[in-house]
N, C-alpha and C. Protein backbone atom coordinates (compact mmCIF):
# COMPACT_ATOMS: atom_id res chain seq x y z
N MET A 1 0.83 -1.19 0.00
CA MET A 1 0.00 0.00 0.00
C MET A 1 0.86 1.24 0.00
N LYS A 2 0.28 2.29 -0.52
CA LYS A 2 0.97 3.57 -0.57
C LYS A 2 0.02 4.62 -0.04
N ILE A 3 0.49 5.48 0.83
CA ILE A 3 -0.35 6.57 1.32
C ILE A 3 -0.15 7.76 0.41
N ALA A 4 -1.26 8.28 -0.13
CA ALA A 4 -1.20 9.45 -1.00
C ALA A 4 -1.67 10.66 -0.21
N TRP A 5 -0.87 11.68 -0.15
CA TRP A 5 -1.20 12.87 0.62
C TRP A 5 -1.80 13.93 -0.28
N ASP A 6 -2.85 14.58 0.17
CA ASP A 6 -3.49 15.68 -0.55
C ASP A 6 -3.64 16.82 0.44
N GLY A 7 -2.60 17.62 0.60
CA GLY A 7 -2.63 18.67 1.60
C GLY A 7 -2.76 18.06 2.97
N ALA A 8 -3.77 18.51 3.72
CA ALA A 8 -3.99 18.01 5.06
C ALA A 8 -4.76 16.69 5.06
N LYS A 9 -5.23 16.26 3.91
CA LYS A 9 -6.03 15.05 3.82
C LYS A 9 -5.13 13.88 3.46
N SER A 10 -5.52 12.68 3.85
CA SER A 10 -4.78 11.52 3.42
C SER A 10 -5.73 10.39 3.11
N LEU A 11 -5.29 9.51 2.26
CA LEU A 11 -6.07 8.37 1.84
C LEU A 11 -5.14 7.18 1.76
N ILE A 12 -5.70 6.02 1.76
CA ILE A 12 -4.91 4.84 1.48
C ILE A 12 -5.25 4.43 0.05
N PHE A 13 -4.24 4.27 -0.76
CA PHE A 13 -4.43 3.87 -2.14
C PHE A 13 -3.98 2.43 -2.27
N SER A 14 -4.87 1.58 -2.70
CA SER A 14 -4.56 0.18 -2.87
C SER A 14 -3.98 -0.05 -4.26
N MET A 15 -2.75 -0.50 -4.32
CA MET A 15 -2.12 -0.78 -5.61
C MET A 15 -2.82 -1.96 -6.29
N HIS A 16 -3.37 -2.87 -5.50
CA HIS A 16 -4.03 -4.05 -6.06
C HIS A 16 -5.32 -3.67 -6.78
N SER A 17 -6.18 -2.89 -6.12
CA SER A 17 -7.48 -2.57 -6.71
C SER A 17 -7.50 -1.24 -7.44
N GLY A 18 -6.48 -0.41 -7.23
CA GLY A 18 -6.45 0.88 -7.89
C GLY A 18 -7.50 1.83 -7.36
N SER A 19 -7.82 1.72 -6.07
CA SER A 19 -8.87 2.56 -5.50
C SER A 19 -8.45 3.15 -4.17
N PHE A 20 -9.16 4.18 -3.76
CA PHE A 20 -8.93 4.81 -2.49
C PHE A 20 -9.86 4.20 -1.46
N HIS A 21 -9.38 3.99 -0.26
CA HIS A 21 -10.19 3.39 0.79
C HIS A 21 -10.04 4.17 2.09
N SER A 22 -11.16 4.36 2.77
CA SER A 22 -11.10 4.84 4.15
C SER A 22 -10.73 3.63 4.98
N SER A 23 -9.91 3.79 5.98
CA SER A 23 -9.47 2.62 6.73
C SER A 23 -9.14 2.98 8.16
N GLU A 24 -9.46 2.06 9.05
CA GLU A 24 -9.07 2.23 10.45
C GLU A 24 -7.56 2.23 10.56
N LEU A 25 -6.88 1.54 9.62
CA LEU A 25 -5.43 1.50 9.62
C LEU A 25 -4.84 2.90 9.54
N LEU A 26 -5.51 3.78 8.87
CA LEU A 26 -5.00 5.14 8.71
C LEU A 26 -4.76 5.79 10.06
N GLY A 27 -5.71 5.64 10.98
CA GLY A 27 -5.55 6.25 12.30
C GLY A 27 -4.31 5.75 13.01
N SER A 28 -4.02 4.46 12.87
CA SER A 28 -2.85 3.93 13.55
C SER A 28 -1.55 4.39 12.89
N LEU A 29 -1.62 4.84 11.65
CA LEU A 29 -0.42 5.31 10.96
C LEU A 29 -0.07 6.74 11.32
N LEU A 30 -1.01 7.47 11.86
CA LEU A 30 -0.79 8.87 12.17
C LEU A 30 -0.69 9.07 13.67
N ALA A 31 0.23 9.88 14.09
CA ALA A 31 0.41 10.15 15.52
C ALA A 31 -0.86 10.75 16.09
N GLY A 32 -1.24 10.32 17.26
CA GLY A 32 -2.41 10.86 17.93
C GLY A 32 -3.72 10.33 17.39
N ASP A 33 -3.67 9.31 16.53
CA ASP A 33 -4.89 8.69 15.99
C ASP A 33 -5.79 9.74 15.33
N ILE A 34 -5.21 10.63 14.56
CA ILE A 34 -5.95 11.68 13.87
C ILE A 34 -6.69 11.08 12.68
N HIS A 35 -7.97 11.41 12.54
CA HIS A 35 -8.76 10.91 11.42
C HIS A 35 -8.71 11.91 10.27
N MET A 36 -8.42 11.42 9.09
CA MET A 36 -8.43 12.24 7.89
C MET A 36 -9.51 11.69 6.98
N GLY A 37 -10.31 12.56 6.39
CA GLY A 37 -11.43 12.13 5.55
C GLY A 37 -11.00 11.52 4.24
N ILE A 38 -11.91 10.74 3.67
CA ILE A 38 -11.65 10.07 2.40
C ILE A 38 -11.89 10.98 1.20
N LEU A 39 -12.74 11.99 1.36
CA LEU A 39 -13.07 12.87 0.23
C LEU A 39 -11.98 13.91 0.02
N THR A 40 -11.36 13.85 -1.15
CA THR A 40 -10.32 14.81 -1.50
C THR A 40 -10.96 16.13 -1.94
N ASP A 41 -10.15 17.15 -2.07
CA ASP A 41 -10.65 18.43 -2.56
C ASP A 41 -11.24 18.30 -3.95
N ASP A 42 -10.62 17.48 -4.82
CA ASP A 42 -11.15 17.32 -6.17
C ASP A 42 -12.50 16.60 -6.15
N MET A 43 -12.63 15.59 -5.31
CA MET A 43 -13.92 14.89 -5.19
C MET A 43 -15.01 15.85 -4.75
N LYS A 44 -14.69 16.66 -3.75
CA LYS A 44 -15.67 17.64 -3.25
C LYS A 44 -16.02 18.66 -4.33
N ARG A 45 -15.02 19.07 -5.10
CA ARG A 45 -15.27 20.04 -6.18
C ARG A 45 -16.24 19.47 -7.21
N ILE A 46 -16.00 18.24 -7.63
CA ILE A 46 -16.87 17.62 -8.63
C ILE A 46 -18.30 17.54 -8.11
N VAL A 47 -18.48 17.08 -6.88
CA VAL A 47 -19.83 16.98 -6.30
C VAL A 47 -20.46 18.36 -6.19
N ARG A 48 -19.70 19.33 -5.71
CA ARG A 48 -20.23 20.70 -5.55
C ARG A 48 -20.62 21.31 -6.90
N GLU A 49 -19.79 21.14 -7.91
CA GLU A 49 -20.07 21.73 -9.22
C GLU A 49 -21.20 21.03 -9.95
N GLN A 50 -21.24 19.71 -9.88
CA GLN A 50 -22.22 18.96 -10.67
C GLN A 50 -23.59 18.86 -9.99
N ARG A 51 -23.60 18.68 -8.69
CA ARG A 51 -24.82 18.57 -7.88
C ARG A 51 -25.71 17.37 -8.22
N LEU A 52 -25.65 16.87 -9.43
CA LEU A 52 -26.47 15.73 -9.82
C LEU A 52 -25.68 14.45 -9.60
N GLY A 53 -26.17 13.63 -8.69
CA GLY A 53 -25.56 12.34 -8.43
C GLY A 53 -26.53 11.24 -8.79
N TYR A 54 -26.02 10.16 -9.32
CA TYR A 54 -26.85 9.00 -9.63
C TYR A 54 -26.67 8.03 -8.48
N ILE A 55 -27.77 7.80 -7.75
CA ILE A 55 -27.76 7.01 -6.52
C ILE A 55 -28.25 5.60 -6.84
N ALA A 56 -27.40 4.61 -6.61
CA ALA A 56 -27.77 3.22 -6.82
C ALA A 56 -28.02 2.56 -5.47
N THR A 57 -29.17 1.88 -5.38
CA THR A 57 -29.54 1.14 -4.17
C THR A 57 -30.02 -0.25 -4.60
N VAL A 58 -30.30 -1.09 -3.62
CA VAL A 58 -30.76 -2.44 -3.88
C VAL A 58 -32.20 -2.59 -3.39
N CYS A 59 -33.09 -3.00 -4.30
CA CYS A 59 -34.49 -3.23 -3.93
C CYS A 59 -34.60 -4.49 -3.06
N PRO A 60 -35.69 -4.61 -2.29
CA PRO A 60 -35.85 -5.80 -1.44
C PRO A 60 -35.78 -7.12 -2.20
N ASP A 61 -36.16 -7.12 -3.50
CA ASP A 61 -36.09 -8.36 -4.28
C ASP A 61 -34.71 -8.60 -4.89
N GLY A 62 -33.74 -7.72 -4.55
CA GLY A 62 -32.38 -7.89 -5.02
C GLY A 62 -32.06 -7.19 -6.33
N THR A 63 -33.06 -6.59 -6.97
CA THR A 63 -32.81 -5.88 -8.22
C THR A 63 -32.27 -4.48 -7.94
N PRO A 64 -31.54 -3.92 -8.90
CA PRO A 64 -30.96 -2.59 -8.69
C PRO A 64 -31.99 -1.48 -8.87
N ASN A 65 -31.75 -0.37 -8.23
CA ASN A 65 -32.55 0.85 -8.39
C ASN A 65 -31.56 1.98 -8.60
N LEU A 66 -31.76 2.78 -9.64
CA LEU A 66 -30.89 3.91 -9.92
C LEU A 66 -31.76 5.15 -10.04
N SER A 67 -31.39 6.18 -9.30
CA SER A 67 -32.20 7.39 -9.27
C SER A 67 -31.31 8.63 -9.23
N PRO A 68 -31.53 9.57 -10.17
CA PRO A 68 -30.74 10.81 -10.13
C PRO A 68 -31.23 11.71 -9.00
N LYS A 69 -30.29 12.32 -8.30
CA LYS A 69 -30.62 13.23 -7.20
C LYS A 69 -29.91 14.56 -7.42
N GLY A 70 -30.68 15.60 -7.69
CA GLY A 70 -30.14 16.93 -7.90
C GLY A 70 -29.73 17.64 -6.63
N THR A 71 -29.90 16.98 -5.50
CA THR A 71 -29.51 17.56 -4.21
C THR A 71 -28.24 16.90 -3.66
N THR A 72 -27.55 16.12 -4.47
CA THR A 72 -26.32 15.47 -4.01
C THR A 72 -25.31 16.53 -3.60
N ALA A 73 -24.77 16.37 -2.39
CA ALA A 73 -23.85 17.37 -1.86
C ALA A 73 -22.88 16.71 -0.88
N VAL A 74 -21.84 17.45 -0.54
CA VAL A 74 -20.87 17.00 0.46
C VAL A 74 -21.35 17.46 1.82
N TRP A 75 -21.37 16.54 2.79
CA TRP A 75 -21.72 16.91 4.17
C TRP A 75 -20.45 17.24 4.95
N ASP A 76 -19.44 16.35 4.87
CA ASP A 76 -18.15 16.58 5.52
C ASP A 76 -17.10 15.76 4.79
N ASP A 77 -15.95 15.59 5.39
CA ASP A 77 -14.84 14.90 4.72
C ASP A 77 -15.08 13.41 4.48
N ASP A 78 -16.12 12.85 5.07
CA ASP A 78 -16.41 11.42 4.93
C ASP A 78 -17.82 11.10 4.44
N HIS A 79 -18.67 12.12 4.29
CA HIS A 79 -20.08 11.86 3.98
C HIS A 79 -20.59 12.69 2.81
N LEU A 80 -21.40 12.03 1.98
CA LEU A 80 -22.22 12.73 1.00
C LEU A 80 -23.64 12.72 1.52
N MET A 81 -24.48 13.55 0.95
CA MET A 81 -25.87 13.63 1.39
C MET A 81 -26.77 13.92 0.20
N PHE A 82 -28.05 13.59 0.36
CA PHE A 82 -29.06 14.04 -0.57
C PHE A 82 -30.38 14.17 0.17
N ALA A 83 -31.26 14.99 -0.39
CA ALA A 83 -32.56 15.22 0.22
C ALA A 83 -33.60 14.34 -0.46
N ASP A 84 -34.50 13.78 0.34
CA ASP A 84 -35.64 13.02 -0.19
C ASP A 84 -36.75 14.01 -0.50
N ILE A 85 -36.86 14.35 -1.77
CA ILE A 85 -37.94 15.22 -2.22
C ILE A 85 -39.00 14.37 -2.91
N ARG A 86 -38.56 13.51 -3.80
CA ARG A 86 -39.44 12.53 -4.45
C ARG A 86 -38.68 11.22 -4.62
N SER A 87 -38.25 10.66 -3.53
CA SER A 87 -37.39 9.47 -3.57
C SER A 87 -37.91 8.33 -2.72
N PRO A 88 -39.21 8.04 -2.76
CA PRO A 88 -39.71 7.02 -1.82
C PRO A 88 -39.06 5.65 -2.00
N GLN A 89 -38.82 5.21 -3.24
CA GLN A 89 -38.22 3.90 -3.44
C GLN A 89 -36.77 3.87 -2.98
N THR A 90 -36.02 4.92 -3.29
CA THR A 90 -34.62 4.97 -2.89
C THR A 90 -34.50 4.93 -1.37
N VAL A 91 -35.31 5.72 -0.68
CA VAL A 91 -35.26 5.77 0.78
C VAL A 91 -35.69 4.43 1.38
N GLN A 92 -36.74 3.83 0.85
CA GLN A 92 -37.17 2.51 1.34
C GLN A 92 -36.07 1.48 1.16
N ASN A 93 -35.40 1.54 0.00
CA ASN A 93 -34.32 0.59 -0.25
C ASN A 93 -33.19 0.76 0.77
N ILE A 94 -32.82 1.99 1.07
CA ILE A 94 -31.74 2.24 2.02
C ILE A 94 -32.13 1.78 3.42
N GLU A 95 -33.40 1.95 3.77
CA GLU A 95 -33.86 1.47 5.08
C GLU A 95 -33.82 -0.05 5.15
N HIS A 96 -34.02 -0.71 4.04
CA HIS A 96 -33.98 -2.17 3.98
C HIS A 96 -32.55 -2.71 3.87
N ASN A 97 -31.73 -2.02 3.04
CA ASN A 97 -30.34 -2.42 2.80
C ASN A 97 -29.55 -1.13 2.60
N PRO A 98 -28.68 -0.77 3.53
CA PRO A 98 -28.01 0.53 3.47
C PRO A 98 -26.93 0.68 2.40
N SER A 99 -26.67 -0.36 1.62
CA SER A 99 -25.62 -0.29 0.59
C SER A 99 -26.00 0.73 -0.49
N VAL A 100 -25.10 1.69 -0.72
CA VAL A 100 -25.36 2.77 -1.68
C VAL A 100 -24.11 3.00 -2.51
N GLU A 101 -24.33 3.30 -3.79
CA GLU A 101 -23.25 3.82 -4.63
C GLU A 101 -23.75 5.11 -5.26
N VAL A 102 -22.89 6.11 -5.28
CA VAL A 102 -23.20 7.40 -5.89
C VAL A 102 -22.18 7.66 -6.99
N ASN A 103 -22.66 7.98 -8.19
CA ASN A 103 -21.79 8.37 -9.29
C ASN A 103 -22.04 9.83 -9.60
N VAL A 104 -20.97 10.61 -9.66
CA VAL A 104 -21.04 12.02 -10.03
C VAL A 104 -19.99 12.25 -11.11
N VAL A 105 -20.44 12.74 -12.28
CA VAL A 105 -19.56 12.88 -13.42
C VAL A 105 -19.76 14.24 -14.08
N ASP A 106 -18.67 14.88 -14.45
CA ASP A 106 -18.72 16.10 -15.25
C ASP A 106 -19.01 15.66 -16.68
N PRO A 107 -20.17 16.04 -17.26
CA PRO A 107 -20.54 15.55 -18.58
C PRO A 107 -19.70 16.11 -19.73
N LEU A 108 -18.97 17.18 -19.50
CA LEU A 108 -18.11 17.72 -20.56
C LEU A 108 -16.75 17.05 -20.60
N VAL A 109 -16.09 16.92 -19.46
CA VAL A 109 -14.76 16.31 -19.45
C VAL A 109 -14.83 14.80 -19.28
N ARG A 110 -16.03 14.27 -18.99
CA ARG A 110 -16.24 12.84 -18.84
C ARG A 110 -15.33 12.23 -17.78
N LYS A 111 -15.23 12.95 -16.66
CA LYS A 111 -14.49 12.46 -15.50
C LYS A 111 -15.33 12.70 -14.26
N GLY A 112 -15.16 11.86 -13.28
CA GLY A 112 -15.86 12.03 -12.03
C GLY A 112 -15.43 10.96 -11.05
N TYR A 113 -16.36 10.61 -10.16
CA TYR A 113 -16.06 9.63 -9.12
C TYR A 113 -17.27 8.77 -8.82
N ARG A 114 -16.98 7.57 -8.32
CA ARG A 114 -18.02 6.70 -7.75
C ARG A 114 -17.68 6.53 -6.28
N PHE A 115 -18.71 6.68 -5.46
CA PHE A 115 -18.56 6.62 -4.01
C PHE A 115 -19.43 5.49 -3.49
N LYS A 116 -18.87 4.64 -2.62
CA LYS A 116 -19.63 3.53 -2.05
C LYS A 116 -19.59 3.60 -0.54
N GLY A 117 -20.72 3.23 0.07
CA GLY A 117 -20.78 3.16 1.52
C GLY A 117 -22.22 3.06 1.98
N PRO A 118 -22.41 2.89 3.27
CA PRO A 118 -23.77 2.76 3.81
C PRO A 118 -24.46 4.11 3.94
N GLY A 119 -25.75 4.10 3.64
CA GLY A 119 -26.57 5.30 3.81
C GLY A 119 -27.46 5.17 5.03
N VAL A 120 -27.72 6.29 5.67
CA VAL A 120 -28.62 6.33 6.83
C VAL A 120 -29.66 7.40 6.56
N VAL A 121 -30.92 7.03 6.75
CA VAL A 121 -32.04 7.95 6.54
C VAL A 121 -32.33 8.69 7.84
N HIS A 122 -32.47 10.01 7.74
CA HIS A 122 -32.82 10.85 8.90
C HIS A 122 -34.11 11.60 8.57
N ARG A 123 -35.07 11.58 9.53
CA ARG A 123 -36.36 12.22 9.27
C ARG A 123 -36.68 13.39 10.19
N SER A 124 -36.35 13.33 11.43
CA SER A 124 -36.76 14.41 12.33
C SER A 124 -35.73 14.70 13.41
N ASP A 125 -34.59 14.08 13.32
CA ASP A 125 -33.58 14.26 14.36
C ASP A 125 -32.74 15.51 14.09
N GLU A 126 -31.71 15.69 14.91
CA GLU A 126 -30.84 16.86 14.78
C GLU A 126 -30.12 16.88 13.43
N VAL A 127 -29.70 15.71 12.95
CA VAL A 127 -29.03 15.64 11.64
C VAL A 127 -29.98 16.13 10.56
N PHE A 128 -31.23 15.66 10.60
CA PHE A 128 -32.23 16.11 9.63
C PHE A 128 -32.36 17.63 9.65
N GLN A 129 -32.46 18.21 10.84
CA GLN A 129 -32.62 19.66 10.96
C GLN A 129 -31.40 20.40 10.40
N ARG A 130 -30.21 19.92 10.72
CA ARG A 130 -28.98 20.57 10.25
C ARG A 130 -28.84 20.48 8.73
N VAL A 131 -29.13 19.30 8.17
CA VAL A 131 -29.03 19.14 6.71
C VAL A 131 -30.08 20.00 6.01
N CYS A 132 -31.29 20.00 6.53
CA CYS A 132 -32.34 20.85 5.93
C CYS A 132 -31.93 22.32 5.95
N GLN A 133 -31.32 22.76 7.04
CA GLN A 133 -30.87 24.15 7.11
C GLN A 133 -29.79 24.42 6.06
N THR A 134 -28.91 23.44 5.86
CA THR A 134 -27.87 23.58 4.84
C THR A 134 -28.50 23.78 3.47
N TYR A 135 -29.52 22.99 3.15
CA TYR A 135 -30.20 23.14 1.85
C TYR A 135 -30.95 24.48 1.77
N ARG A 136 -31.59 24.88 2.85
CA ARG A 136 -32.29 26.19 2.85
C ARG A 136 -31.29 27.32 2.62
N ASP A 137 -30.12 27.21 3.25
CA ASP A 137 -29.08 28.22 3.07
C ASP A 137 -28.63 28.30 1.61
N LYS A 138 -28.76 27.20 0.88
CA LYS A 138 -28.40 27.17 -0.54
C LYS A 138 -29.57 27.57 -1.44
N GLY A 139 -30.72 27.89 -0.83
CA GLY A 139 -31.86 28.37 -1.61
C GLY A 139 -32.94 27.35 -1.91
N LEU A 140 -32.83 26.13 -1.40
CA LEU A 140 -33.86 25.11 -1.64
C LEU A 140 -35.09 25.42 -0.79
N THR A 141 -36.23 25.57 -1.43
CA THR A 141 -37.45 25.93 -0.70
C THR A 141 -38.50 24.82 -0.71
N ILE A 142 -38.29 23.77 -1.46
CA ILE A 142 -39.25 22.68 -1.55
C ILE A 142 -39.20 21.83 -0.28
N GLU A 143 -40.31 21.17 0.03
CA GLU A 143 -40.38 20.33 1.23
C GLU A 143 -39.42 19.15 1.14
N ILE A 144 -38.70 18.91 2.20
CA ILE A 144 -37.79 17.77 2.31
C ILE A 144 -38.41 16.77 3.28
N ARG A 145 -38.65 15.56 2.81
CA ARG A 145 -39.27 14.53 3.64
C ARG A 145 -38.27 13.82 4.55
N ALA A 146 -37.06 13.63 4.02
CA ALA A 146 -35.99 12.96 4.77
C ALA A 146 -34.67 13.36 4.12
N VAL A 147 -33.60 13.10 4.82
CA VAL A 147 -32.26 13.29 4.24
C VAL A 147 -31.49 11.99 4.43
N VAL A 148 -30.58 11.75 3.52
CA VAL A 148 -29.75 10.56 3.60
C VAL A 148 -28.30 10.99 3.66
N LEU A 149 -27.59 10.48 4.67
CA LEU A 149 -26.15 10.67 4.77
C LEU A 149 -25.49 9.35 4.37
N ILE A 150 -24.52 9.44 3.49
CA ILE A 150 -23.80 8.26 3.02
C ILE A 150 -22.37 8.37 3.51
N ARG A 151 -21.96 7.42 4.34
CA ARG A 151 -20.58 7.38 4.82
C ARG A 151 -19.73 6.74 3.73
N VAL A 152 -18.89 7.52 3.09
CA VAL A 152 -18.08 7.04 1.97
C VAL A 152 -16.95 6.17 2.51
N GLU A 153 -16.98 4.91 2.14
CA GLU A 153 -15.95 3.97 2.54
C GLU A 153 -14.98 3.67 1.40
N ARG A 154 -15.43 3.92 0.19
CA ARG A 154 -14.61 3.66 -0.99
C ARG A 154 -14.92 4.70 -2.05
N ALA A 155 -13.89 5.21 -2.69
CA ALA A 155 -14.05 6.20 -3.75
C ALA A 155 -13.14 5.83 -4.91
N LEU A 156 -13.72 5.75 -6.10
CA LEU A 156 -12.97 5.39 -7.30
C LEU A 156 -13.15 6.45 -8.37
N PRO A 157 -12.12 6.74 -9.13
CA PRO A 157 -12.29 7.68 -10.24
C PRO A 157 -13.08 7.04 -11.37
N LEU A 158 -13.85 7.85 -12.07
CA LEU A 158 -14.54 7.46 -13.30
C LEU A 158 -13.93 8.30 -14.42
N ILE A 159 -13.39 7.64 -15.43
CA ILE A 159 -12.71 8.34 -16.51
C ILE A 159 -13.13 7.71 -17.84
N SER A 160 -13.52 8.55 -18.78
CA SER A 160 -13.95 8.11 -20.10
C SER A 160 -12.86 7.34 -20.83
N PRO A 161 -13.25 6.32 -21.60
CA PRO A 161 -12.27 5.62 -22.44
C PRO A 161 -11.64 6.53 -23.49
N ALA A 162 -12.20 7.70 -23.74
CA ALA A 162 -11.61 8.64 -24.70
C ALA A 162 -10.18 8.97 -24.31
N TYR A 163 -9.89 9.00 -23.03
CA TYR A 163 -8.54 9.31 -22.57
C TYR A 163 -7.58 8.16 -22.87
N ASP A 164 -8.11 6.94 -22.98
CA ASP A 164 -7.28 5.79 -23.35
C ASP A 164 -6.76 5.93 -24.78
N ARG A 165 -7.50 6.67 -25.60
CA ARG A 165 -7.10 6.89 -27.00
C ARG A 165 -6.12 8.06 -27.12
N GLY A 166 -5.78 8.66 -26.00
CA GLY A 166 -4.81 9.75 -26.02
C GLY A 166 -5.41 11.14 -26.13
N GLU A 167 -6.73 11.25 -26.09
CA GLU A 167 -7.34 12.58 -26.14
C GLU A 167 -7.03 13.36 -24.87
N THR A 168 -6.86 14.65 -25.03
CA THR A 168 -6.63 15.52 -23.87
C THR A 168 -7.98 15.92 -23.29
N GLU A 169 -7.95 16.43 -22.08
CA GLU A 169 -9.19 16.91 -21.46
C GLU A 169 -9.83 18.01 -22.30
N GLY A 170 -9.02 18.88 -22.86
CA GLY A 170 -9.54 19.94 -23.73
C GLY A 170 -10.23 19.40 -24.95
N GLN A 171 -9.68 18.36 -25.57
CA GLN A 171 -10.30 17.76 -26.74
C GLN A 171 -11.62 17.09 -26.40
N VAL A 172 -11.64 16.36 -25.29
CA VAL A 172 -12.88 15.70 -24.86
C VAL A 172 -13.94 16.76 -24.56
N LYS A 173 -13.55 17.80 -23.85
CA LYS A 173 -14.48 18.87 -23.49
C LYS A 173 -15.04 19.56 -24.74
N ASP A 174 -14.18 19.87 -25.70
CA ASP A 174 -14.63 20.52 -26.94
C ASP A 174 -15.61 19.64 -27.71
N ARG A 175 -15.32 18.34 -27.80
CA ARG A 175 -16.21 17.42 -28.52
C ARG A 175 -17.59 17.39 -27.88
N TRP A 176 -17.63 17.27 -26.56
CA TRP A 176 -18.92 17.19 -25.89
C TRP A 176 -19.64 18.54 -25.85
N ARG A 177 -18.90 19.61 -25.82
CA ARG A 177 -19.51 20.95 -25.90
C ARG A 177 -20.21 21.11 -27.25
N ARG A 178 -19.55 20.69 -28.33
CA ARG A 178 -20.17 20.74 -29.67
C ARG A 178 -21.43 19.88 -29.71
N TYR A 179 -21.37 18.70 -29.14
CA TYR A 179 -22.52 17.80 -29.11
C TYR A 179 -23.71 18.46 -28.41
N TRP A 180 -23.48 19.01 -27.22
CA TRP A 180 -24.57 19.62 -26.44
C TRP A 180 -25.12 20.86 -27.14
N ARG A 181 -24.25 21.66 -27.75
CA ARG A 181 -24.73 22.83 -28.49
C ARG A 181 -25.65 22.42 -29.63
N LYS A 182 -25.23 21.41 -30.41
CA LYS A 182 -26.04 20.92 -31.53
C LYS A 182 -27.37 20.38 -31.02
N LEU A 183 -27.33 19.62 -29.96
CA LEU A 183 -28.56 19.05 -29.39
C LEU A 183 -29.52 20.17 -28.97
N TRP A 184 -29.02 21.19 -28.27
CA TRP A 184 -29.88 22.28 -27.82
C TRP A 184 -30.40 23.11 -28.98
N GLU A 185 -29.58 23.29 -30.03
CA GLU A 185 -30.05 24.02 -31.21
C GLU A 185 -31.21 23.29 -31.86
N GLU A 186 -31.15 21.95 -31.94
CA GLU A 186 -32.24 21.16 -32.51
C GLU A 186 -33.49 21.25 -31.65
N VAL A 187 -33.35 21.28 -30.36
CA VAL A 187 -34.48 21.37 -29.44
C VAL A 187 -35.17 22.73 -29.56
N GLU A 188 -34.36 23.77 -29.73
CA GLU A 188 -34.91 25.14 -29.79
C GLU A 188 -35.54 25.47 -31.12
N GLU A 189 -35.31 24.68 -32.16
CA GLU A 189 -35.87 24.97 -33.47
C GLU A 189 -37.34 24.63 -33.56
């Protein structure tokens, strides 16, 4: 294993799986058992800028459920959150099986992250009140039925295969910008 430092944050990078992991081992590696969050500044930036996360949960019958959430946000260095505005199936699934994966991707550069960990539903407790206030401070005025905090235990980068062909981020961005412009021009006609 190799520890990768990102300013004051640290992660454990597994050479075997090619992924970042939150780990109890990290505390023992640092003097004073200091906890450092798994979410890097870049991960937080992507979530903050994109806001739309695709939340995958498991239905009681074992089938997958995927639901876009426009309220996906960073709660702290270890947690993502989203508000239940119209998410009854997603929330029920998390209450039945807390396993959650969140994908957040910049659609122009075709890069982002996948986050995995358990979700916890909050409806009327202090966490619910604090998260609701956070959304109100950001201008959300619609009723929130519940909030979900996801403790990120694993974070992996998502990168388009276009980069495997040697394209630069600028080239990928320009191609997708042209695509979206053409699409919107057709819609507006």
